[in-house]
Amino acid sequence: MTHLSLAFRFFQPHGNCVTVINPKVAMKRPGKTDTLFSALRQSAKPEPVSAIEKLIQDGPDRELCRINALAFAAKHKLNEEDVIAAFLHGARLGIFDMSWNILCPACGGVLDSGATLKTVKQAEYRCVLCAEDCEPILDEIVEVTFTVSPRVRRIVAHDPETLPFIEYYRQVFWSSGVDLPDDEALAKWFKETTLDAVELSAGEKVVLSLQLPEGYVIVFDPVLHMSQHIEVTGEPARESQSLSFVMTRDHAPSGTAQMHPGLLQIALENRLNVRTLPAIWIVSDKVHELVSKRRPFLTAKRLLTNQTFRDIYRTDTLDVDQRLKITSLSFLFTDLKGSTELYERVGDLVAYDLVRAHFRILNEIVAAESGAVVKTIGDAVMATFPTPHRAMAAALKMREALQELKGDLLLKIGIHEGPCLAVSLNDRQDYFGRTVNIAARVQGLATSRSIFATKRVVTDHEASKLLKSNGIAATPEKRSLRGIANQIEIFEIP
């Protein structure tokens, strides 16, 4: 048992106080690694590949665990889409292991983690630290991170039992979206918010004596995700109080214990076959201030609507019985007007080449605007975008590009934004719900080169700015859509 309460030796287990862990480790099997990066350079842009290669060669261990692709792009001043594509191709080649993490929206802790989205099986996940339940919504609480493969470079986090107390929280418990301070500030924070902490080996027991302050206290183990909440109120206790905290795999959730300020004898027992890190936390404004500092991270929603991801993981994203919620996704539908007449007018060969060129242009524009083509049906395209303004930008570019394509092709475009379900249909990742139906029906209204979009799209702040910057005034009118009960306000974008 390593006792952490007095010296707060959080950076190195067993008492050796070190603040930097393994700052530079040579890559394993450099010949093989060179081959992997040579292959990566064939698939991804050179700038992010060079930055990634340098990180693996020279970066500290912690920076290679659960890499936040968006933070990496910001740090190196690189295009986010290029960085995401590089990490995805790196994962395909085996340079990185991709992780899908379920997050607590309150504290940012990782509640569960899996190698694929197929591991997300529960309808709800519970954060025992915050005592909150959360649904695994793909655009809010499922993040995607990348950890260097042990075949490329071995890091401490590959053996989480060897991570010191603070590093376990930094690298394993908290998500990449929590903007944590530097080592000194984080150590100070732990010291101010933790009454006591221990490292217990498998089967080990310990009894701690501590003074309970008035307020709210939590006994928490981040390895097992087990907690005991304690409300400390009333007159100070005249005699020593006692509490038992037994760590097991099959622990049942417990309610809040009521105790008095004063001396507490707390028995901690680890019945697991791995090390645990129980600590007694004082819940205060300091705790809320730390976990409320967030930074952007790569969400599951954004990855599902990324063209590189769809190209690589075309048939291996969701199980057929999975139905995962997305609260906001923008759908763009297109169709060629008069394509049948085109074949009659210019002949099969020329028409076929024009239609293929149209598909190529649309695919390039969708990918450039952080979107993904979900499927094509005949001459029609269904694409998704993470935000309405991205869909609108793509629509404007599509319309302009098709004007420059010979053959007088007329592209009908409809856009709508809203909640939906990510599902698996016909061996591909697809979407289902009212939002999808409305988007398809809106596209069906188009009869000219005007783009048709719903109010939710046009009134989006960034989409509205985009239209104004292009000198476009959208005209609204109420329209009836087939299969939709109520009329919907549709905007025509000339």
Protein backbone atom coordinates (compact mmCIF):
# COMPACT_ATOMS: atom_id res chain seq x y z
CA MET A 1 0.00 0.00 0.00
CA THR A 2 1.33 3.41 -0.98
CA HIS A 3 -0.01 6.20 1.20
CA LEU A 4 -0.50 9.48 -0.64
CA SER A 5 -2.01 11.80 1.93
CA LEU A 6 1.03 13.51 3.45
CA ALA A 7 3.54 14.14 0.69
CA PHE A 8 1.03 13.77 -2.16
CA ARG A 9 3.46 11.71 -4.21
CA PHE A 10 1.18 11.57 -7.19
CA PHE A 11 3.64 11.42 -10.02
CA GLN A 12 5.44 8.18 -9.34
CA PRO A 13 4.15 5.11 -7.48
CA HIS A 14 5.96 3.75 -4.45
CA GLY A 15 7.17 7.15 -3.30
CA ASN A 16 9.66 8.33 -5.92
CA CYS A 17 8.59 11.90 -6.67
CA VAL A 18 9.03 12.51 -10.41
CA THR A 19 6.95 15.01 -12.36
CA VAL A 20 7.83 13.95 -15.90
CA ILE A 21 7.27 10.38 -17.00
CA ASN A 22 9.39 8.85 -19.72
CA PRO A 23 9.79 12.05 -21.76
CA LYS A 24 11.52 10.36 -24.67
CA VAL A 25 11.39 6.70 -25.62
CA ALA A 26 12.81 5.27 -28.82
CA MET A 27 10.25 3.75 -31.15
CA LYS A 28 10.08 -0.02 -31.26
CA ARG A 29 11.29 -1.75 -34.43
CA PRO A 30 12.27 1.41 -36.36
CA GLY A 31 12.48 -0.44 -39.67
CA LYS A 32 8.86 -1.51 -39.48
CA THR A 33 7.83 1.95 -38.28
CA ASP A 34 9.54 3.57 -41.27
CA THR A 35 7.52 1.29 -43.52
CA LEU A 36 4.28 2.25 -41.75
CA PHE A 37 4.96 5.96 -42.09
CA SER A 38 5.94 5.52 -45.71
CA ALA A 39 2.52 3.95 -46.28
CA LEU A 40 0.85 6.74 -44.26
CA ARG A 41 2.46 9.39 -46.45
CA GLN A 42 0.79 7.75 -49.45
CA SER A 43 -2.66 8.20 -47.84
CA ALA A 44 -2.55 11.48 -45.89
CA LYS A 45 -1.30 15.05 -46.26
CA PRO A 46 2.44 15.49 -45.55
CA GLU A 47 2.14 18.19 -42.85
CA PRO A 48 0.05 16.19 -40.33
CA VAL A 49 2.05 13.03 -41.08
CA SER A 50 5.31 14.84 -40.27
CA ALA A 51 3.84 16.25 -37.04
CA ILE A 52 2.58 12.80 -36.01
CA GLU A 53 5.91 11.15 -36.79
CA LYS A 54 7.77 13.72 -34.71
CA LEU A 55 5.34 13.22 -31.81
CA ILE A 56 5.91 9.47 -31.82
CA GLN A 57 9.68 9.90 -32.02
CA ASP A 58 10.15 12.66 -29.44
CA GLY A 59 6.91 13.26 -27.53
CA PRO A 60 6.39 12.41 -23.85
CA ASP A 61 4.35 9.30 -23.11
CA ARG A 62 1.25 11.17 -21.92
CA GLU A 63 0.91 12.99 -25.26
CA LEU A 64 0.62 9.66 -27.05
CA CYS A 65 -2.26 8.43 -24.90
CA ARG A 66 -5.82 9.28 -26.02
CA ILE A 67 -4.72 11.95 -28.46
CA ASN A 68 -7.29 14.68 -29.05
CA ALA A 69 -7.10 15.17 -32.84
CA LEU A 70 -8.63 18.65 -32.71
CA ALA A 71 -6.23 19.84 -30.00
CA PHE A 72 -3.35 18.34 -32.00
CA ALA A 73 -4.46 20.27 -35.09
CA ALA A 74 -4.74 23.52 -33.11
CA LYS A 75 -1.32 23.08 -31.49
CA HIS A 76 0.41 22.50 -34.82
CA LYS A 77 -1.76 25.01 -36.75
CA LEU A 78 -2.98 22.33 -39.15
CA ASN A 79 -6.28 21.80 -40.94
CA GLU A 80 -8.58 19.71 -38.71
CA GLU A 81 -9.90 17.55 -41.55
CA ASP A 82 -6.36 16.75 -42.72
CA VAL A 83 -5.34 15.80 -39.17
CA ILE A 84 -8.41 13.60 -38.64
CA ALA A 85 -7.74 11.85 -41.96
CA ALA A 86 -4.09 11.26 -41.00
CA PHE A 87 -5.02 9.71 -37.65
CA LEU A 88 -7.69 7.55 -39.30
CA HIS A 89 -5.26 6.24 -41.88
CA GLY A 90 -2.73 5.77 -39.08
CA ALA A 91 -5.26 3.64 -37.19
CA ARG A 92 -5.94 1.63 -40.36
CA LEU A 93 -2.22 0.92 -40.70
CA GLY A 94 -1.84 -0.06 -37.05
CA ILE A 95 0.14 3.00 -35.92
CA PHE A 96 -2.67 3.99 -33.56
CA ASP A 97 -5.43 2.26 -31.63
CA MET A 98 -8.72 4.13 -31.95
CA SER A 99 -10.89 4.42 -28.84
CA TRP A 100 -14.59 5.35 -28.54
CA ASN A 101 -15.13 6.78 -25.06
CA ILE A 102 -18.42 7.36 -23.23
CA LEU A 103 -18.13 10.59 -21.24
CA CYS A 104 -19.90 12.01 -18.23
CA PRO A 105 -21.20 15.42 -19.38
CA ALA A 106 -20.80 16.81 -15.86
CA CYS A 107 -17.22 15.89 -14.88
CA GLY A 108 -15.78 14.80 -18.25
CA GLY A 109 -14.76 11.41 -16.88
CA VAL A 110 -14.54 8.39 -19.19
CA LEU A 111 -17.26 5.97 -18.09
CA ASP A 112 -16.56 3.25 -20.65
CA SER A 113 -14.28 2.73 -23.61
CA GLY A 114 -14.16 0.42 -26.60
CA ALA A 115 -12.21 -0.16 -29.80
CA THR A 116 -15.31 0.33 -31.97
CA LEU A 117 -18.70 2.00 -31.76
CA LYS A 118 -20.20 -1.48 -31.62
CA THR A 119 -19.16 -1.69 -27.96
CA VAL A 120 -21.70 1.02 -27.03
CA LYS A 121 -24.48 -1.31 -25.91
CA GLN A 122 -26.10 0.35 -22.90
CA ALA A 123 -29.08 2.67 -23.12
CA GLU A 124 -27.68 4.62 -20.15
CA TYR A 125 -24.35 4.97 -18.39
CA ARG A 126 -23.94 6.13 -14.81
CA CYS A 127 -21.19 8.35 -13.45
CA VAL A 128 -20.79 7.33 -9.82
CA LEU A 129 -18.62 10.37 -9.11
CA CYS A 130 -21.38 12.79 -10.15
CA ALA A 131 -24.29 10.42 -9.36
CA GLU A 132 -25.72 11.17 -12.79
CA ASP A 133 -27.11 8.99 -15.59
CA CYS A 134 -26.39 9.85 -19.20
CA GLU A 135 -27.48 8.54 -22.58
CA PRO A 136 -24.68 7.85 -25.11
CA ILE A 137 -25.62 10.63 -27.55
CA LEU A 138 -23.06 10.69 -30.34
CA ASP A 139 -22.67 14.46 -30.66
CA GLU A 140 -22.31 15.19 -26.96
CA ILE A 141 -20.79 12.43 -24.86
CA VAL A 142 -18.98 10.00 -27.16
CA GLU A 143 -15.44 11.05 -28.01
CA VAL A 144 -12.94 9.38 -30.33
CA THR A 145 -9.24 9.39 -29.43
CA PHE A 146 -6.06 7.77 -30.73
CA THR A 147 -3.35 6.02 -28.69
CA VAL A 148 -0.04 4.96 -30.18
CA SER A 149 0.07 1.20 -30.72
CA PRO A 150 2.46 -0.72 -28.44
CA ARG A 151 3.85 -2.30 -31.62
CA VAL A 152 5.10 1.16 -32.64
CA ARG A 153 6.10 2.62 -29.26
CA ARG A 154 5.49 1.34 -25.76
CA ILE A 155 4.16 3.99 -23.34
CA VAL A 156 3.32 3.85 -19.65
CA ALA A 157 -0.44 4.02 -20.29
CA HIS A 158 -0.29 0.65 -22.05
CA ASP A 159 0.15 -0.67 -18.51
CA PRO A 160 -2.29 1.54 -16.56
CA GLU A 161 -1.47 -0.21 -13.27
CA THR A 162 1.94 1.47 -13.40
CA LEU A 163 0.54 5.00 -13.78
CA PRO A 164 0.94 7.24 -10.72
CA PHE A 165 -2.16 8.67 -9.07
CA ILE A 166 -2.41 11.99 -10.93
CA GLU A 167 -1.30 10.50 -14.25
CA TYR A 168 -4.05 7.87 -13.98
CA TYR A 169 -6.61 10.62 -13.68
CA ARG A 170 -4.99 12.66 -16.45
CA GLN A 171 -4.50 9.83 -18.96
CA VAL A 172 -7.20 7.30 -18.11
CA PHE A 173 -10.06 8.82 -16.10
CA TRP A 174 -10.57 12.27 -17.62
CA SER A 175 -11.44 12.66 -21.28
CA SER A 176 -9.40 14.58 -23.83
CA GLY A 177 -12.05 17.30 -23.72
CA VAL A 178 -11.21 18.34 -20.13
CA ASP A 179 -8.68 21.17 -20.31
CA LEU A 180 -6.41 20.18 -17.43
CA PRO A 181 -3.71 22.50 -16.02
CA ASP A 182 0.01 21.74 -15.85
CA ASP A 183 1.51 19.27 -13.40
CA GLU A 184 2.19 21.74 -10.58
CA ALA A 185 -1.29 23.30 -10.71
CA LEU A 186 -2.99 19.90 -10.91
CA ALA A 187 -0.99 18.57 -7.94
CA LYS A 188 -1.96 21.65 -5.95
CA TRP A 189 -5.60 21.13 -6.91
CA PHE A 190 -5.54 17.52 -5.71
CA LYS A 191 -3.94 18.54 -2.44
CA GLU A 192 -6.62 21.17 -1.81
CA THR A 193 -9.56 18.93 -2.71
CA THR A 194 -8.47 15.52 -1.36
CA LEU A 195 -8.61 14.56 2.31
CA ASP A 196 -6.62 11.38 1.76
CA ALA A 197 -5.65 8.93 -0.98
CA VAL A 198 -4.01 5.52 -1.11
CA GLU A 199 -2.76 3.03 -3.65
CA LEU A 200 -3.98 -0.47 -2.81
CA SER A 201 -2.52 -3.59 -4.36
CA ALA A 202 -4.78 -6.53 -5.19
CA GLY A 203 -6.34 -7.92 -1.99
CA GLU A 204 -4.91 -5.17 0.20
CA LYS A 205 -6.73 -3.46 3.11
CA VAL A 206 -6.08 -0.24 5.01
CA VAL A 207 -7.80 1.83 7.69
CA LEU A 208 -7.45 5.62 7.44
CA SER A 209 -8.16 8.20 10.11
CA LEU A 210 -9.25 11.62 8.93
CA GLN A 211 -11.24 14.66 9.96
CA LEU A 212 -14.51 15.10 8.08
CA PRO A 213 -15.31 18.74 7.33
CA GLU A 214 -18.88 19.96 7.10
CA GLY A 215 -20.20 19.77 3.56
CA TYR A 216 -20.13 17.02 0.92
CA VAL A 217 -17.47 14.32 0.64
CA ILE A 218 -17.06 11.49 -1.88
CA VAL A 219 -15.01 8.32 -1.55
CA PHE A 220 -14.09 7.43 -5.13
CA ASP A 221 -12.01 4.84 -6.96
CA PRO A 222 -11.33 5.71 -10.65
CA VAL A 223 -10.19 2.19 -11.55
CA LEU A 224 -13.43 0.46 -10.63
CA HIS A 225 -15.66 3.54 -10.93
CA MET A 226 -17.05 2.95 -7.45
CA SER A 227 -18.06 5.66 -5.01
CA GLN A 228 -19.65 6.45 -1.67
CA HIS A 229 -21.23 9.87 -1.28
CA ILE A 230 -21.25 11.35 2.23
CA GLU A 231 -23.30 14.33 3.42
CA VAL A 232 -21.55 15.81 6.47
CA THR A 233 -23.91 17.93 8.57
CA GLY A 234 -24.97 18.64 12.15
CA GLU A 235 -23.05 18.94 15.38
CA PRO A 236 -19.47 17.64 15.49
CA ALA A 237 -19.27 13.95 16.41
CA ARG A 238 -18.23 13.26 20.01
CA GLU A 239 -16.81 9.85 19.14
CA SER A 240 -15.00 8.43 16.17
CA GLN A 241 -17.25 7.43 13.26
CA SER A 242 -16.61 4.47 11.01
CA LEU A 243 -17.19 3.63 7.36
CA SER A 244 -16.31 0.64 5.17
CA PHE A 245 -15.53 0.90 1.45
CA VAL A 246 -15.05 -2.51 -0.15
CA MET A 247 -14.01 -2.52 -3.81
CA THR A 248 -15.42 -5.40 -5.85
CA ARG A 249 -16.43 -5.95 -9.48
CA ASP A 250 -20.06 -6.59 -8.58
CA HIS A 251 -20.61 -3.62 -6.31
CA ALA A 252 -24.16 -2.33 -5.92
CA PRO A 253 -24.84 1.41 -6.15
CA SER A 254 -25.29 2.91 -2.71
CA GLY A 255 -27.11 6.00 -1.53
CA THR A 256 -25.70 8.96 0.33
CA ALA A 257 -24.37 8.30 3.83
CA GLN A 258 -25.18 10.80 6.58
CA MET A 259 -22.31 11.67 8.94
CA HIS A 260 -21.24 14.40 11.35
CA PRO A 261 -18.15 16.58 11.15
CA GLY A 262 -15.27 15.07 13.08
CA LEU A 263 -13.06 12.01 13.22
CA LEU A 264 -13.72 9.19 10.72
CA GLN A 265 -12.14 5.75 10.65
CA ILE A 266 -12.58 4.52 7.06
CA ALA A 267 -11.70 0.94 6.13
CA LEU A 268 -10.70 0.53 2.46
CA GLU A 269 -10.46 -2.99 1.04
CA ASN A 270 -9.46 -3.93 -2.50
CA ARG A 271 -11.01 -7.26 -3.50
CA LEU A 272 -9.98 -6.88 -7.13
CA ASN A 273 -7.05 -8.59 -8.81
CA VAL A 274 -5.68 -5.18 -9.91
CA ARG A 275 -4.44 -2.09 -8.14
CA THR A 276 -6.99 0.50 -7.04
CA LEU A 277 -6.62 4.21 -6.23
CA PRO A 278 -9.32 5.19 -3.71
CA ALA A 279 -9.39 8.79 -2.55
CA ILE A 280 -11.63 10.89 -0.30
CA TRP A 281 -12.66 14.08 -2.12
CA ILE A 282 -14.06 17.31 -0.71
CA VAL A 283 -16.73 18.53 -3.13
CA SER A 284 -16.29 22.30 -3.51
CA ASP A 285 -16.25 25.04 -6.11
CA LYS A 286 -12.65 24.05 -6.87
CA VAL A 287 -13.85 20.69 -8.20
CA HIS A 288 -16.49 22.25 -10.41
CA GLU A 289 -14.05 24.88 -11.69
CA LEU A 290 -11.54 22.26 -12.79
CA VAL A 291 -13.90 19.94 -14.66
CA SER A 292 -15.87 22.79 -16.24
CA LYS A 293 -12.83 23.91 -18.27
CA ARG A 294 -13.34 22.17 -21.60
CA ARG A 295 -11.81 22.19 -25.06
CA PRO A 296 -13.14 20.87 -28.38
CA PHE A 297 -12.75 17.16 -29.01
CA LEU A 298 -13.47 14.77 -31.85
CA THR A 299 -17.04 13.55 -31.33
CA ALA A 300 -18.51 10.34 -32.68
CA LYS A 301 -20.99 12.44 -34.68
CA ARG A 302 -18.24 14.34 -36.42
CA LEU A 303 -16.38 11.15 -37.22
CA LEU A 304 -19.45 9.41 -38.62
CA THR A 305 -19.96 12.33 -41.00
CA ASN A 306 -16.31 12.33 -42.07
CA GLN A 307 -15.72 11.03 -45.59
CA THR A 308 -12.36 9.41 -44.80
CA PHE A 309 -13.92 7.48 -41.91
CA ARG A 310 -16.82 6.28 -44.06
CA ASP A 311 -14.42 5.19 -46.79
CA ILE A 312 -12.23 3.18 -44.39
CA TYR A 313 -14.91 1.75 -42.09
CA ARG A 314 -17.69 1.39 -44.64
CA THR A 315 -19.27 -1.79 -43.25
CA ASP A 316 -17.81 -2.01 -39.76
CA THR A 317 -19.26 0.86 -37.73
CA LEU A 318 -22.55 -0.23 -36.12
CA ASP A 319 -24.24 -3.52 -35.34
CA VAL A 320 -27.58 -4.12 -37.06
CA ASP A 321 -29.43 -3.81 -33.74
CA GLN A 322 -27.80 -0.52 -32.63
CA ARG A 323 -29.82 2.69 -32.62
CA LEU A 324 -27.66 5.59 -31.42
CA LYS A 325 -29.01 9.12 -31.02
CA ILE A 326 -27.64 12.29 -32.58
CA THR A 327 -29.24 15.53 -31.40
CA SER A 328 -28.27 17.63 -34.41
CA LEU A 329 -27.14 16.61 -37.88
CA SER A 330 -27.53 18.44 -41.18
CA PHE A 331 -28.76 16.49 -44.21
CA LEU A 332 -28.31 17.56 -47.81
CA PHE A 333 -30.11 15.76 -50.63
CA THR A 334 -29.44 16.37 -54.31
CA ASP A 335 -30.92 15.07 -57.54
CA LEU A 336 -30.35 15.81 -61.20
CA LYS A 337 -33.35 17.27 -62.97
CA GLY A 338 -33.99 15.96 -66.45
CA SER A 339 -31.26 13.32 -66.46
CA THR A 340 -33.44 11.04 -68.60
CA GLU A 341 -33.79 13.78 -71.21
CA LEU A 342 -30.03 14.33 -71.00
CA TYR A 343 -29.38 10.75 -72.17
CA GLU A 344 -31.80 11.32 -75.05
CA ARG A 345 -30.23 14.66 -75.98
CA VAL A 346 -26.49 13.91 -75.89
CA GLY A 347 -26.36 10.11 -76.03
CA ASP A 348 -25.51 7.45 -73.45
CA LEU A 349 -21.73 7.81 -73.46
CA VAL A 350 -21.60 11.59 -73.07
CA ALA A 351 -24.45 11.59 -70.54
CA TYR A 352 -22.79 8.86 -68.49
CA ASP A 353 -19.50 10.80 -68.38
CA LEU A 354 -21.35 13.98 -67.34
CA VAL A 355 -23.21 12.19 -64.55
CA ARG A 356 -19.96 10.61 -63.30
CA ALA A 357 -18.25 14.03 -63.36
CA HIS A 358 -21.18 15.45 -61.38
CA PHE A 359 -20.78 12.73 -58.72
CA ARG A 360 -17.03 13.38 -58.50
CA ILE A 361 -17.57 17.13 -58.03
CA LEU A 362 -20.22 16.59 -55.35
CA ASN A 363 -18.04 14.13 -53.46
CA GLU A 364 -15.10 16.54 -53.46
CA ILE A 365 -17.23 19.43 -52.23
CA VAL A 366 -18.88 17.35 -49.49
CA ALA A 367 -15.50 16.17 -48.18
CA ALA A 368 -14.07 19.72 -48.33
CA GLU A 369 -16.92 20.94 -46.10
CA SER A 370 -16.35 18.28 -43.40
CA GLY A 371 -19.23 16.16 -44.67
CA ALA A 372 -19.69 12.65 -45.97
CA VAL A 373 -21.73 11.06 -48.73
CA VAL A 374 -23.99 8.51 -47.10
CA LYS A 375 -25.29 6.95 -50.30
CA THR A 376 -26.32 7.54 -53.90
CA ILE A 377 -29.60 6.38 -55.38
CA GLY A 378 -29.68 6.71 -59.15
CA ASP A 379 -28.61 10.30 -59.81
CA ALA A 380 -29.42 11.39 -56.24
CA VAL A 381 -26.98 11.95 -53.37
CA MET A 382 -27.58 11.92 -49.63
CA ALA A 383 -24.87 13.65 -47.58
CA THR A 384 -24.45 14.65 -43.95
CA PHE A 385 -22.65 17.56 -42.31
CA PRO A 386 -21.88 18.31 -38.64
CA THR A 387 -23.40 21.81 -38.84
CA PRO A 388 -25.98 23.66 -41.00
CA HIS A 389 -23.48 26.22 -42.29
CA ARG A 390 -21.26 23.45 -43.66
CA ALA A 391 -24.23 22.01 -45.54
CA MET A 392 -25.16 25.44 -46.86
CA ALA A 393 -21.58 26.16 -47.97
CA ALA A 394 -21.51 22.83 -49.80
CA ALA A 395 -24.85 23.54 -51.50
CA LEU A 396 -23.67 26.93 -52.79
CA LYS A 397 -20.43 25.41 -54.09
CA MET A 398 -22.31 22.55 -55.75
CA ARG A 399 -24.65 24.90 -57.55
CA GLU A 400 -21.75 27.00 -58.85
CA ALA A 401 -19.68 23.98 -59.89
CA LEU A 402 -22.54 22.38 -61.82
CA GLN A 403 -23.07 25.59 -63.77
CA GLU A 404 -19.51 25.28 -65.06
CA LEU A 405 -20.05 21.65 -66.12
CA LYS A 406 -21.11 21.28 -69.72
CA GLY A 407 -24.43 19.62 -70.46
CA ASP A 408 -26.78 22.08 -68.78
CA LEU A 409 -27.19 19.85 -65.73
CA LEU A 410 -29.70 21.21 -63.21
CA LEU A 411 -29.05 20.14 -59.61
CA LYS A 412 -31.97 20.14 -57.19
CA ILE A 413 -30.81 20.64 -53.57
CA GLY A 414 -32.64 20.40 -50.23
CA ILE A 415 -31.24 20.86 -46.72
CA HIS A 416 -32.64 20.21 -43.25
CA GLU A 417 -31.15 19.90 -39.76
CA GLY A 418 -32.36 18.08 -36.67
CA PRO A 419 -32.13 14.95 -34.47
CA CYS A 420 -31.82 11.47 -35.93
CA LEU A 421 -30.70 7.91 -35.24
CA ALA A 422 -27.44 6.45 -36.51
CA VAL A 423 -28.25 2.92 -37.70
CA SER A 424 -26.91 0.11 -39.85
CA LEU A 425 -28.91 -0.53 -43.03
CA ASN A 426 -27.93 -2.72 -45.98
CA ASP A 427 -24.44 -3.30 -44.56
CA ARG A 428 -23.64 0.41 -44.30
CA GLN A 429 -23.85 3.08 -41.64
CA ASP A 430 -26.99 5.12 -42.34
CA TYR A 431 -29.47 7.45 -40.63
CA PHE A 432 -33.14 7.14 -39.78
CA GLY A 433 -35.88 9.46 -38.55
CA ARG A 434 -38.17 12.38 -39.29
CA THR A 435 -35.27 14.74 -40.00
CA VAL A 436 -34.05 12.52 -42.83
CA ASN A 437 -37.57 12.29 -44.29
CA ILE A 438 -38.08 16.06 -44.20
CA ALA A 439 -34.70 16.71 -45.86
CA ALA A 440 -35.59 14.34 -48.70
CA ARG A 441 -39.03 15.95 -49.13
CA VAL A 442 -37.50 19.48 -49.15
CA GLN A 443 -35.23 18.46 -52.00
CA GLY A 444 -38.31 17.21 -53.85
CA LEU A 445 -39.71 20.76 -53.83
CA ALA A 446 -36.84 22.10 -55.92
CA THR A 447 -37.68 22.68 -59.57
CA SER A 448 -34.98 25.21 -60.49
CA ARG A 449 -31.40 26.05 -59.51
CA SER A 450 -32.72 27.50 -56.25
CA ILE A 451 -31.63 25.73 -53.07
CA PHE A 452 -34.45 24.86 -50.67
CA ALA A 453 -33.75 24.76 -46.93
CA THR A 454 -35.77 24.72 -43.71
CA LYS A 455 -35.87 27.51 -41.15
CA ARG A 456 -33.54 25.60 -38.80
CA VAL A 457 -30.83 25.75 -41.47
CA VAL A 458 -31.29 29.32 -42.70
CA THR A 459 -31.55 30.82 -39.21
CA ASP A 460 -28.40 29.08 -37.98
CA HIS A 461 -25.99 31.87 -37.00
CA GLU A 462 -23.10 30.78 -39.22
CA ALA A 463 -25.34 29.80 -42.15
CA SER A 464 -27.08 33.19 -41.96
CA LYS A 465 -23.70 34.96 -42.01
CA LEU A 466 -22.68 32.88 -45.03
CA LEU A 467 -25.79 33.85 -46.99
CA LYS A 468 -25.37 37.54 -46.13
CA SER A 469 -21.71 37.48 -47.17
CA ASN A 470 -22.82 36.13 -50.55
CA GLY A 471 -25.52 38.78 -50.89
CA ILE A 472 -28.30 36.19 -50.79
CA ALA A 473 -31.71 36.88 -49.27
CA ALA A 474 -33.73 33.71 -48.60
CA THR A 475 -37.48 33.86 -49.25
CA PRO A 476 -39.71 31.95 -46.79
CA GLU A 477 -43.07 30.31 -47.40
CA LYS A 478 -45.17 27.63 -45.74
CA ARG A 479 -45.16 24.37 -47.69
CA SER A 480 -46.78 20.98 -47.27
CA LEU A 481 -44.47 17.97 -47.47
CA ARG A 482 -45.68 14.51 -48.43
CA GLY A 483 -46.04 12.32 -45.35
CA ILE A 484 -45.43 15.22 -42.91
CA ALA A 485 -48.49 16.24 -40.88
CA ASN A 486 -47.96 19.99 -40.49
CA GLN A 487 -46.84 22.60 -42.94
CA ILE A 488 -43.18 23.61 -42.65
CA GLU A 489 -41.56 26.97 -43.32
CA ILE A 490 -39.27 26.50 -46.31
CA PHE A 491 -36.75 29.06 -47.59
CA GLU A 492 -35.90 29.38 -51.26
CA ILE A 493 -32.28 30.46 -51.80
CA PRO A 494 -32.01 31.92 -55.31
